């Protein structure tokens, strides 16, 4: 089993930039995946995209 870490990035370019500098990338693989954590109003929403509830 390999360690798994999760980092929130503002966009794909930031995620690729972080992965490029990750020390583990020198001897292993870095996987970049989009993540959706909230299902609201019939669609998945990412952190920060939720609207305030009135």
N, C-alpha and C. Protein backbone atom coordinates (compact mmCIF):
# COMPACT_ATOMS: atom_id res chain seq x y z
N UNK A 1 0.84 -1.17 0.00
CA UNK A 1 0.00 0.00 0.00
C UNK A 1 0.89 1.24 0.00
N UNK A 2 0.54 2.20 -0.82
CA UNK A 2 1.33 3.43 -0.90
C UNK A 2 0.60 4.57 -0.21
N UNK A 3 1.37 5.52 0.31
CA UNK A 3 0.73 6.67 0.96
C UNK A 3 -0.05 7.51 -0.05
N UNK A 4 -1.13 8.08 0.40
CA UNK A 4 -1.95 8.94 -0.44
C UNK A 4 -2.10 10.28 0.24
N UNK A 5 -1.92 11.33 -0.51
CA UNK A 5 -2.11 12.67 0.02
C UNK A 5 -3.06 13.43 -0.88
N UNK A 6 -3.79 14.32 -0.30
CA UNK A 6 -4.75 15.11 -1.06
C UNK A 6 -4.43 16.59 -0.85
N UNK A 7 -4.36 17.33 -1.93
CA UNK A 7 -4.10 18.76 -1.86
C UNK A 7 -5.15 19.48 -2.69
N UNK A 8 -5.66 20.57 -2.18
CA UNK A 8 -6.61 21.38 -2.93
C UNK A 8 -5.84 22.41 -3.74
N UNK A 9 -6.11 22.46 -5.01
CA UNK A 9 -5.47 23.41 -5.91
C UNK A 9 -6.57 24.22 -6.60
N UNK A 10 -6.28 25.48 -6.93
CA UNK A 10 -7.32 26.31 -7.54
C UNK A 10 -7.67 25.90 -8.97
N UNK A 11 -6.72 25.29 -9.69
CA UNK A 11 -6.99 24.89 -11.06
C UNK A 11 -6.00 23.82 -11.51
N UNK A 12 -6.19 23.31 -12.70
CA UNK A 12 -5.35 22.23 -13.22
C UNK A 12 -3.91 22.68 -13.39
N UNK A 13 -3.68 23.90 -13.83
CA UNK A 13 -2.31 24.39 -14.00
C UNK A 13 -1.55 24.42 -12.67
N UNK A 14 -2.21 24.84 -11.60
CA UNK A 14 -1.58 24.85 -10.28
C UNK A 14 -1.27 23.43 -9.82
N UNK A 15 -2.17 22.49 -10.09
CA UNK A 15 -1.95 21.09 -9.72
C UNK A 15 -0.75 20.50 -10.46
N UNK A 16 -0.65 20.81 -11.75
CA UNK A 16 0.48 20.31 -12.54
C UNK A 16 1.78 20.94 -12.04
N UNK A 17 1.76 22.21 -11.71
CA UNK A 17 2.94 22.88 -11.18
C UNK A 17 3.40 22.25 -9.87
N UNK A 18 2.44 21.94 -8.99
CA UNK A 18 2.79 21.30 -7.72
C UNK A 18 3.35 19.90 -7.98
N UNK A 19 2.71 19.15 -8.84
CA UNK A 19 3.15 17.78 -9.12
C UNK A 19 4.55 17.77 -9.72
N UNK A 20 4.85 18.75 -10.53
CA UNK A 20 6.17 18.85 -11.17
C UNK A 20 7.27 19.03 -10.12
N UNK A 21 6.96 19.68 -9.00
CA UNK A 21 7.95 19.95 -7.96
C UNK A 21 7.95 18.93 -6.84
N UNK A 22 7.01 18.01 -6.86
CA UNK A 22 6.87 17.01 -5.80
C UNK A 22 8.06 16.05 -5.82
N UNK A 23 8.77 15.89 -4.69
CA UNK A 23 9.92 14.99 -4.66
C UNK A 23 9.58 13.55 -5.07
N UNK A 24 8.37 13.10 -4.77
CA UNK A 24 7.98 11.72 -5.11
C UNK A 24 7.95 11.51 -6.62
N UNK A 25 7.81 12.57 -7.39
CA UNK A 25 7.76 12.44 -8.85
C UNK A 25 9.10 11.97 -9.42
N UNK A 26 10.18 12.11 -8.64
CA UNK A 26 11.49 11.67 -9.11
C UNK A 26 11.61 10.15 -9.18
N UNK A 27 10.87 9.44 -8.33
CA UNK A 27 10.98 7.98 -8.29
C UNK A 27 9.64 7.26 -8.34
N UNK A 28 8.57 7.98 -8.52
CA UNK A 28 7.25 7.35 -8.54
C UNK A 28 6.32 8.12 -9.46
N UNK A 29 5.05 7.97 -9.20
CA UNK A 29 4.03 8.62 -10.02
C UNK A 29 3.23 9.59 -9.17
N UNK A 30 2.81 10.66 -9.79
CA UNK A 30 1.92 11.62 -9.15
C UNK A 30 0.65 11.65 -9.98
N UNK A 31 -0.45 11.41 -9.34
CA UNK A 31 -1.73 11.37 -10.05
C UNK A 31 -2.53 12.62 -9.72
N UNK A 32 -3.06 13.25 -10.75
CA UNK A 32 -3.89 14.45 -10.58
C UNK A 32 -5.31 14.09 -10.95
N UNK A 33 -6.23 14.32 -10.02
CA UNK A 33 -7.64 14.02 -10.25
C UNK A 33 -8.51 15.18 -9.82
N UNK A 34 -9.54 15.47 -10.58
CA UNK A 34 -10.51 16.46 -10.09
C UNK A 34 -11.31 15.86 -8.94
N UNK A 35 -11.75 16.69 -8.07
CA UNK A 35 -12.50 16.20 -6.92
C UNK A 35 -13.77 17.02 -6.74
N UNK A 36 -14.87 16.35 -6.58
CA UNK A 36 -16.14 17.01 -6.28
C UNK A 36 -16.64 16.45 -4.95
N UNK A 37 -16.97 17.31 -4.05
CA UNK A 37 -17.33 16.85 -2.72
C UNK A 37 -18.77 17.14 -2.31
N UNK A 38 -19.46 17.96 -3.07
CA UNK A 38 -20.82 18.35 -2.68
C UNK A 38 -21.76 18.13 -3.86
N UNK A 39 -22.86 17.44 -3.62
CA UNK A 39 -23.89 17.28 -4.65
C UNK A 39 -25.06 18.15 -4.26
N UNK A 40 -25.26 19.22 -5.02
CA UNK A 40 -26.32 20.17 -4.68
C UNK A 40 -26.97 20.66 -5.98
N UNK A 41 -28.28 20.81 -5.95
CA UNK A 41 -29.03 21.30 -7.11
C UNK A 41 -28.78 20.46 -8.35
N UNK A 42 -28.63 19.15 -8.16
CA UNK A 42 -28.51 18.23 -9.28
C UNK A 42 -27.15 18.16 -9.92
N UNK A 43 -26.11 18.74 -9.28
CA UNK A 43 -24.78 18.65 -9.87
C UNK A 43 -23.71 18.61 -8.78
N UNK A 44 -22.55 18.04 -9.14
CA UNK A 44 -21.41 18.02 -8.23
C UNK A 44 -20.76 19.38 -8.23
N UNK A 45 -20.36 19.84 -7.05
CA UNK A 45 -19.69 21.13 -6.93
C UNK A 45 -18.39 20.95 -6.18
N UNK A 46 -17.38 21.69 -6.58
CA UNK A 46 -16.08 21.62 -5.93
C UNK A 46 -16.03 22.58 -4.75
N UNK A 47 -15.09 22.40 -3.85
CA UNK A 47 -14.99 23.30 -2.70
C UNK A 47 -14.88 24.75 -3.15
N UNK A 48 -15.61 25.63 -2.49
CA UNK A 48 -15.58 27.04 -2.82
C UNK A 48 -16.62 27.44 -3.86
N UNK A 49 -17.24 26.48 -4.53
CA UNK A 49 -18.24 26.84 -5.53
C UNK A 49 -19.65 26.83 -4.97
N UNK A 50 -19.80 26.44 -3.71
CA UNK A 50 -21.13 26.40 -3.12
C UNK A 50 -21.64 27.84 -2.91
N UNK A 51 -22.92 28.01 -3.08
CA UNK A 51 -23.51 29.32 -2.85
C UNK A 51 -24.03 29.38 -1.43
N UNK A 52 -24.07 30.57 -0.88
CA UNK A 52 -24.54 30.76 0.50
C UNK A 52 -26.03 30.44 0.56
N UNK A 53 -26.41 29.76 1.63
CA UNK A 53 -27.81 29.45 1.85
C UNK A 53 -28.49 30.63 2.54
N UNK A 54 -29.63 31.08 2.02
CA UNK A 54 -30.36 32.21 2.61
C UNK A 54 -31.31 31.72 3.68
